Amino acid sequence: MMNMVSVYLFTQSTDIAPPLMQRREHALVALREELLQLGDLRVSPSPNDADLQVEILNLLGTDEGPIGRAAERSARMPDRRRILIVRVSRDTDRFDFVCSDGSASAERQAAKRIHASMDPNLGARRFDPLATSSS
């Protein structure tokens, strides 16, 4: 079992249309709930008190853009899968990852990856920014 880890969740709101920001906020709440369900994590109200900072960088869906809007008007509506892009930071290290809706929600997948990044039992898969070497 790992020690209790604190996580600060946020998203940026500059130059984003209100409907897009609202979707990001809903994803942020869903991610918070998923993280809390996994246990061993608490959500911090302040970045200063958090071990990790988790930012939703982007949330893309099939309903965005002209193709998605045209599909909404058509009789055949494609699966409404979303793509969630997340950045996890600890001190000066960070890594970004992408999750999409599928057998589990994008937020659930992100929560599992965030949780796993802090688990010392996972060896090389734990928090290791970019996990690359320059050899």
N, C-alpha and C. Protein backbone atom coordinates (compact mmCIF):
# COMPACT_ATOMS: atom_id res chain seq x y z
N MET A 1 0.84 -1.18 0.00
CA MET A 1 0.00 0.00 0.00
C MET A 1 0.89 1.24 0.00
N MET A 2 0.55 2.23 -0.83
CA MET A 2 1.35 3.43 -0.87
C MET A 2 0.86 4.45 0.14
N ASN A 3 1.73 5.43 0.45
CA ASN A 3 1.35 6.51 1.36
C ASN A 3 0.30 7.37 0.68
N MET A 4 -0.45 8.12 1.51
CA MET A 4 -1.47 9.02 0.98
C MET A 4 -0.78 10.11 0.14
N VAL A 5 -1.21 10.25 -1.09
CA VAL A 5 -0.66 11.23 -2.03
C VAL A 5 -1.72 12.30 -2.25
N SER A 6 -1.30 13.55 -2.26
CA SER A 6 -2.24 14.64 -2.52
C SER A 6 -2.09 15.11 -3.97
N VAL A 7 -3.22 15.40 -4.57
CA VAL A 7 -3.28 15.77 -5.98
C VAL A 7 -4.06 17.08 -6.12
N TYR A 8 -3.50 18.01 -6.86
CA TYR A 8 -4.19 19.25 -7.19
C TYR A 8 -4.65 19.14 -8.64
N LEU A 9 -5.95 19.27 -8.88
CA LEU A 9 -6.53 19.15 -10.21
C LEU A 9 -6.91 20.54 -10.73
N PHE A 10 -6.60 20.80 -12.00
CA PHE A 10 -6.98 22.09 -12.58
C PHE A 10 -7.00 22.01 -14.10
N THR A 11 -7.58 23.04 -14.70
CA THR A 11 -7.55 23.21 -16.14
C THR A 11 -7.44 24.70 -16.42
N GLN A 12 -6.84 25.06 -17.53
CA GLN A 12 -6.70 26.46 -17.90
C GLN A 12 -7.96 26.92 -18.62
N SER A 13 -8.27 28.20 -18.50
CA SER A 13 -9.50 28.69 -19.12
C SER A 13 -9.28 29.84 -20.10
N THR A 14 -8.05 30.08 -20.50
CA THR A 14 -7.78 31.19 -21.40
C THR A 14 -8.18 30.85 -22.83
N ASP A 15 -8.86 31.79 -23.47
CA ASP A 15 -9.24 31.68 -24.89
C ASP A 15 -10.02 30.42 -25.22
N ILE A 16 -10.93 29.99 -24.34
CA ILE A 16 -11.73 28.81 -24.61
C ILE A 16 -13.20 29.22 -24.58
N ALA A 17 -13.95 28.76 -25.57
CA ALA A 17 -15.38 29.04 -25.63
C ALA A 17 -16.07 28.41 -24.42
N PRO A 18 -17.08 29.07 -23.87
CA PRO A 18 -17.75 28.55 -22.67
C PRO A 18 -18.22 27.09 -22.76
N PRO A 19 -18.78 26.61 -23.88
CA PRO A 19 -19.18 25.20 -23.90
C PRO A 19 -17.99 24.24 -23.76
N LEU A 20 -16.85 24.60 -24.35
CA LEU A 20 -15.66 23.76 -24.25
C LEU A 20 -15.12 23.76 -22.83
N MET A 21 -15.13 24.93 -22.20
CA MET A 21 -14.67 25.02 -20.82
C MET A 21 -15.57 24.22 -19.90
N GLN A 22 -16.87 24.26 -20.15
CA GLN A 22 -17.81 23.50 -19.32
C GLN A 22 -17.53 22.00 -19.44
N ARG A 23 -17.21 21.52 -20.64
CA ARG A 23 -16.89 20.09 -20.82
C ARG A 23 -15.61 19.74 -20.07
N ARG A 24 -14.62 20.62 -20.12
CA ARG A 24 -13.39 20.37 -19.36
C ARG A 24 -13.67 20.32 -17.86
N GLU A 25 -14.51 21.22 -17.39
CA GLU A 25 -14.85 21.23 -15.97
C GLU A 25 -15.57 19.95 -15.56
N HIS A 26 -16.47 19.46 -16.42
CA HIS A 26 -17.16 18.20 -16.14
C HIS A 26 -16.16 17.05 -16.10
N ALA A 27 -15.19 17.06 -17.02
CA ALA A 27 -14.16 16.02 -17.03
C ALA A 27 -13.30 16.11 -15.77
N LEU A 28 -13.03 17.32 -15.31
CA LEU A 28 -12.24 17.52 -14.10
C LEU A 28 -12.95 16.93 -12.88
N VAL A 29 -14.26 17.16 -12.79
CA VAL A 29 -15.04 16.60 -11.68
C VAL A 29 -15.06 15.08 -11.77
N ALA A 30 -15.24 14.54 -12.99
CA ALA A 30 -15.26 13.09 -13.17
C ALA A 30 -13.90 12.48 -12.81
N LEU A 31 -12.81 13.14 -13.20
CA LEU A 31 -11.47 12.66 -12.86
C LEU A 31 -11.27 12.68 -11.35
N ARG A 32 -11.73 13.72 -10.70
CA ARG A 32 -11.64 13.82 -9.24
C ARG A 32 -12.35 12.63 -8.58
N GLU A 33 -13.55 12.33 -9.03
CA GLU A 33 -14.31 11.22 -8.46
C GLU A 33 -13.61 9.89 -8.69
N GLU A 34 -13.06 9.71 -9.87
CA GLU A 34 -12.34 8.46 -10.17
C GLU A 34 -11.10 8.31 -9.29
N LEU A 35 -10.36 9.40 -9.11
CA LEU A 35 -9.17 9.35 -8.25
C LEU A 35 -9.54 9.00 -6.81
N LEU A 36 -10.59 9.60 -6.31
CA LEU A 36 -11.01 9.33 -4.94
C LEU A 36 -11.48 7.89 -4.76
N GLN A 37 -12.11 7.32 -5.79
CA GLN A 37 -12.56 5.92 -5.72
C GLN A 37 -11.39 4.96 -5.63
N LEU A 38 -10.27 5.31 -6.24
CA LEU A 38 -9.10 4.41 -6.22
C LEU A 38 -8.44 4.35 -4.85
N GLY A 39 -8.66 5.35 -4.04
CA GLY A 39 -8.07 5.37 -2.70
C GLY A 39 -6.61 5.78 -2.72
N ASP A 40 -6.02 5.94 -1.54
CA ASP A 40 -4.62 6.33 -1.36
C ASP A 40 -4.32 7.72 -1.91
N LEU A 41 -5.34 8.44 -2.33
CA LEU A 41 -5.15 9.78 -2.87
C LEU A 41 -6.14 10.73 -2.22
N ARG A 42 -5.70 11.96 -2.05
CA ARG A 42 -6.64 12.99 -1.62
C ARG A 42 -6.48 14.17 -2.57
N VAL A 43 -7.56 14.89 -2.77
CA VAL A 43 -7.53 16.04 -3.65
C VAL A 43 -7.25 17.28 -2.80
N SER A 44 -6.26 18.04 -3.21
CA SER A 44 -5.83 19.23 -2.48
C SER A 44 -6.48 20.47 -3.10
N PRO A 45 -6.92 21.41 -2.27
CA PRO A 45 -7.48 22.66 -2.80
C PRO A 45 -6.41 23.65 -3.26
N SER A 46 -5.15 23.35 -2.97
CA SER A 46 -4.06 24.27 -3.29
C SER A 46 -2.90 23.52 -3.94
N PRO A 47 -2.28 24.10 -4.96
CA PRO A 47 -1.12 23.44 -5.57
C PRO A 47 0.07 23.38 -4.61
N ASN A 48 0.13 24.29 -3.67
CA ASN A 48 1.25 24.33 -2.73
C ASN A 48 1.25 23.14 -1.77
N ASP A 49 0.09 22.58 -1.51
CA ASP A 49 -0.03 21.47 -0.56
C ASP A 49 -0.05 20.11 -1.25
N ALA A 50 0.12 20.08 -2.57
CA ALA A 50 -0.06 18.84 -3.33
C ALA A 50 1.27 18.20 -3.71
N ASP A 51 1.28 16.86 -3.72
CA ASP A 51 2.44 16.11 -4.21
C ASP A 51 2.48 16.14 -5.74
N LEU A 52 1.31 16.10 -6.35
CA LEU A 52 1.17 16.12 -7.81
C LEU A 52 0.25 17.23 -8.24
N GLN A 53 0.53 17.79 -9.40
CA GLN A 53 -0.40 18.71 -10.04
C GLN A 53 -0.86 18.04 -11.32
N VAL A 54 -2.17 17.96 -11.50
CA VAL A 54 -2.74 17.30 -12.66
C VAL A 54 -3.59 18.31 -13.42
N GLU A 55 -3.21 18.53 -14.66
CA GLU A 55 -3.92 19.51 -15.49
C GLU A 55 -4.58 18.82 -16.67
N ILE A 56 -5.84 19.15 -16.90
CA ILE A 56 -6.49 18.71 -18.13
C ILE A 56 -6.09 19.72 -19.19
N LEU A 57 -5.27 19.26 -20.13
CA LEU A 57 -4.79 20.14 -21.19
C LEU A 57 -5.83 20.33 -22.28
N ASN A 58 -6.52 19.24 -22.62
CA ASN A 58 -7.50 19.33 -23.68
C ASN A 58 -8.49 18.19 -23.57
N LEU A 59 -9.67 18.42 -24.08
CA LEU A 59 -10.72 17.42 -24.16
C LEU A 59 -11.35 17.56 -25.53
N LEU A 60 -11.13 16.57 -26.35
CA LEU A 60 -11.63 16.59 -27.71
C LEU A 60 -12.74 15.57 -27.85
N GLY A 61 -13.75 15.92 -28.65
CA GLY A 61 -14.84 14.99 -28.86
C GLY A 61 -15.25 14.96 -30.31
N THR A 62 -16.02 13.95 -30.67
CA THR A 62 -16.46 13.82 -32.05
C THR A 62 -17.45 14.90 -32.43
N ASP A 63 -18.00 15.61 -31.45
CA ASP A 63 -18.98 16.64 -31.77
C ASP A 63 -18.34 18.01 -32.01
N GLU A 64 -17.01 18.08 -31.99
CA GLU A 64 -16.34 19.35 -32.21
C GLU A 64 -15.95 19.50 -33.67
N GLY A 65 -16.04 20.68 -34.19
CA GLY A 65 -15.64 20.96 -35.56
C GLY A 65 -16.78 20.73 -36.55
N PRO A 66 -16.59 21.13 -37.81
CA PRO A 66 -17.65 21.04 -38.81
C PRO A 66 -18.09 19.62 -39.13
N ILE A 67 -17.17 18.65 -39.12
CA ILE A 67 -17.55 17.26 -39.41
C ILE A 67 -18.46 16.72 -38.32
N GLY A 68 -18.11 16.99 -37.07
CA GLY A 68 -18.93 16.54 -35.96
C GLY A 68 -20.31 17.17 -35.96
N ARG A 69 -20.38 18.47 -36.26
CA ARG A 69 -21.69 19.15 -36.30
C ARG A 69 -22.54 18.61 -37.43
N ALA A 70 -21.94 18.30 -38.58
CA ALA A 70 -22.69 17.73 -39.70
C ALA A 70 -23.20 16.34 -39.33
N ALA A 71 -22.37 15.57 -38.62
CA ALA A 71 -22.78 14.22 -38.21
C ALA A 71 -23.95 14.27 -37.24
N GLU A 72 -23.99 15.31 -36.39
CA GLU A 72 -25.11 15.44 -35.45
C GLU A 72 -26.42 15.60 -36.19
N ARG A 73 -26.39 16.27 -37.34
CA ARG A 73 -27.61 16.50 -38.11
C ARG A 73 -27.99 15.29 -38.95
N SER A 74 -27.06 14.39 -39.17
CA SER A 74 -27.35 13.23 -40.01
C SER A 74 -28.07 12.16 -39.20
N ALA A 75 -28.66 11.20 -39.90
CA ALA A 75 -29.39 10.11 -39.25
C ALA A 75 -28.42 9.18 -38.53
N ARG A 76 -27.20 9.05 -39.06
CA ARG A 76 -26.20 8.16 -38.46
C ARG A 76 -25.27 8.98 -37.58
N MET A 77 -25.37 8.79 -36.31
CA MET A 77 -24.49 9.51 -35.39
C MET A 77 -23.35 8.58 -34.99
N PRO A 78 -22.10 8.99 -35.19
CA PRO A 78 -20.98 8.13 -34.81
C PRO A 78 -20.88 8.01 -33.29
N ASP A 79 -20.11 7.03 -32.82
CA ASP A 79 -19.84 6.92 -31.38
C ASP A 79 -19.26 8.24 -30.91
N ARG A 80 -19.70 8.71 -29.77
CA ARG A 80 -19.25 9.99 -29.24
C ARG A 80 -18.09 9.77 -28.28
N ARG A 81 -16.99 9.31 -28.80
CA ARG A 81 -15.79 9.09 -27.98
C ARG A 81 -15.07 10.41 -27.79
N ARG A 82 -14.48 10.52 -26.61
CA ARG A 82 -13.72 11.72 -26.29
C ARG A 82 -12.27 11.34 -26.08
N ILE A 83 -11.41 12.31 -26.31
CA ILE A 83 -9.98 12.15 -26.08
C ILE A 83 -9.58 13.16 -25.02
N LEU A 84 -8.98 12.67 -23.95
CA LEU A 84 -8.58 13.50 -22.81
C LEU A 84 -7.06 13.56 -22.78
N ILE A 85 -6.52 14.77 -22.78
CA ILE A 85 -5.07 14.96 -22.71
C ILE A 85 -4.75 15.57 -21.35
N VAL A 86 -3.86 14.88 -20.61
CA VAL A 86 -3.58 15.23 -19.22
C VAL A 86 -2.08 15.43 -19.03
N ARG A 87 -1.73 16.40 -18.18
CA ARG A 87 -0.34 16.61 -17.79
C ARG A 87 -0.23 16.40 -16.28
N VAL A 88 0.74 15.57 -15.87
CA VAL A 88 1.00 15.32 -14.46
C VAL A 88 2.37 15.90 -14.14
N SER A 89 2.43 16.72 -13.10
CA SER A 89 3.68 17.36 -12.70
C SER A 89 3.98 17.06 -11.24
N ARG A 90 5.26 16.84 -10.98
CA ARG A 90 5.74 16.69 -9.61
C ARG A 90 7.08 17.40 -9.55
N ASP A 91 7.16 18.40 -8.69
CA ASP A 91 8.35 19.25 -8.61
C ASP A 91 8.61 19.83 -9.99
N THR A 92 9.77 19.56 -10.58
CA THR A 92 10.08 20.09 -11.91
C THR A 92 9.89 19.05 -13.00
N ASP A 93 9.47 17.85 -12.64
CA ASP A 93 9.25 16.78 -13.61
C ASP A 93 7.80 16.76 -14.05
N ARG A 94 7.58 16.34 -15.31
CA ARG A 94 6.21 16.23 -15.78
C ARG A 94 6.13 15.23 -16.92
N PHE A 95 4.94 14.70 -17.11
CA PHE A 95 4.67 13.87 -18.27
C PHE A 95 3.24 14.09 -18.71
N ASP A 96 3.02 13.96 -20.01
CA ASP A 96 1.69 14.10 -20.60
C ASP A 96 1.25 12.74 -21.10
N PHE A 97 -0.05 12.51 -21.08
CA PHE A 97 -0.58 11.29 -21.67
C PHE A 97 -1.97 11.54 -22.22
N VAL A 98 -2.42 10.61 -23.04
CA VAL A 98 -3.70 10.71 -23.72
C VAL A 98 -4.53 9.49 -23.38
N CYS A 99 -5.80 9.72 -23.09
CA CYS A 99 -6.75 8.63 -22.84
C CYS A 99 -7.99 8.88 -23.69
N SER A 100 -8.69 7.83 -24.07
CA SER A 100 -9.92 8.01 -24.82
C SER A 100 -11.00 7.08 -24.28
N ASP A 101 -12.23 7.49 -24.47
CA ASP A 101 -13.35 6.66 -24.06
C ASP A 101 -13.31 5.34 -24.81
N GLY A 102 -13.63 4.29 -24.13
CA GLY A 102 -13.66 2.96 -24.72
C GLY A 102 -14.37 2.04 -23.76
N SER A 103 -13.73 0.96 -23.35
CA SER A 103 -14.34 0.06 -22.38
C SER A 103 -14.46 0.74 -21.02
N ALA A 104 -13.64 1.77 -20.77
CA ALA A 104 -13.73 2.60 -19.57
C ALA A 104 -13.66 4.06 -20.02
N SER A 105 -14.19 4.95 -19.20
CA SER A 105 -14.16 6.38 -19.56
C SER A 105 -12.72 6.88 -19.60
N ALA A 106 -12.53 7.95 -20.33
CA ALA A 106 -11.20 8.57 -20.40
C ALA A 106 -10.74 9.00 -19.01
N GLU A 107 -11.67 9.49 -18.19
CA GLU A 107 -11.31 9.93 -16.85
C GLU A 107 -10.89 8.75 -15.97
N ARG A 108 -11.54 7.61 -16.12
CA ARG A 108 -11.17 6.43 -15.33
C ARG A 108 -9.77 5.95 -15.72
N GLN A 109 -9.50 5.92 -17.02
CA GLN A 109 -8.17 5.53 -17.49
C GLN A 109 -7.10 6.50 -16.96
N ALA A 110 -7.40 7.80 -17.01
CA ALA A 110 -6.45 8.80 -16.53
C ALA A 110 -6.20 8.61 -15.04
N ALA A 111 -7.25 8.38 -14.27
CA ALA A 111 -7.10 8.18 -12.83
C ALA A 111 -6.21 6.98 -12.54
N LYS A 112 -6.39 5.91 -13.26
CA LYS A 112 -5.55 4.71 -13.06
C LYS A 112 -4.09 4.99 -13.38
N ARG A 113 -3.85 5.76 -14.45
CA ARG A 113 -2.46 6.08 -14.81
C ARG A 113 -1.82 7.01 -13.80
N ILE A 114 -2.59 7.97 -13.30
CA ILE A 114 -2.06 8.88 -12.28
C ILE A 114 -1.75 8.09 -11.02
N HIS A 115 -2.66 7.24 -10.61
CA HIS A 115 -2.47 6.42 -9.41
C HIS A 115 -1.24 5.52 -9.57
N ALA A 116 -1.11 4.88 -10.72
CA ALA A 116 0.01 3.99 -10.97
C ALA A 116 1.34 4.74 -11.00
N SER A 117 1.32 5.99 -11.43
CA SER A 117 2.57 6.76 -11.52
C SER A 117 3.20 6.99 -10.15
N MET A 118 2.43 6.89 -9.11
CA MET A 118 2.94 7.12 -7.76
C MET A 118 3.17 5.84 -6.97
N ASP A 119 2.91 4.70 -7.56
CA ASP A 119 3.03 3.42 -6.84
C ASP A 119 4.47 2.92 -6.91
N PRO A 120 5.19 2.85 -5.78
CA PRO A 120 6.59 2.41 -5.80
C PRO A 120 6.75 0.94 -6.17
N ASN A 121 5.68 0.16 -6.13
CA ASN A 121 5.76 -1.26 -6.47
C ASN A 121 5.77 -1.52 -7.97
N LEU A 122 5.57 -0.49 -8.78
CA LEU A 122 5.49 -0.68 -10.22
C LEU A 122 6.83 -0.50 -10.93
N GLY A 123 7.88 -0.28 -10.18
CA GLY A 123 9.22 -0.20 -10.78
C GLY A 123 9.33 0.86 -11.84
N ALA A 124 9.74 0.48 -13.04
CA ALA A 124 10.01 1.43 -14.12
C ALA A 124 8.76 2.16 -14.58
N ARG A 125 7.58 1.63 -14.29
CA ARG A 125 6.36 2.29 -14.74
C ARG A 125 5.92 3.41 -13.81
N ARG A 126 6.55 3.54 -12.65
CA ARG A 126 6.13 4.62 -11.75
C ARG A 126 6.57 5.96 -12.32
N PHE A 127 6.33 7.04 -11.62
CA PHE A 127 6.58 8.39 -12.12
C PHE A 127 8.03 8.54 -12.58
N ASP A 128 8.20 8.55 -13.86
CA ASP A 128 9.51 8.72 -14.48
C ASP A 128 9.27 9.54 -15.74
N PRO A 129 9.47 10.84 -15.70
CA PRO A 129 9.08 11.70 -16.81
C PRO A 129 9.61 11.21 -18.15
N LEU A 130 8.67 11.01 -19.03
CA LEU A 130 8.91 10.56 -20.39
C LEU A 130 9.53 9.17 -20.48
N ALA A 131 10.09 8.66 -19.41
CA ALA A 131 10.67 7.31 -19.36
C ALA A 131 11.56 7.03 -20.57
N THR A 132 12.38 7.97 -20.92
CA THR A 132 13.28 7.79 -22.06
C THR A 132 14.72 7.97 -21.60
N SER A 133 15.62 7.42 -22.37
CA SER A 133 17.04 7.63 -22.08
C SER A 133 17.68 8.23 -23.32
N SER A 134 18.77 8.91 -23.14
CA SER A 134 19.46 9.55 -24.27
C SER A 134 20.70 8.79 -24.68
N SER A 135 20.64 7.47 -24.63
CA SER A 135 21.82 6.68 -25.01
C SER A 135 21.84 6.33 -26.46
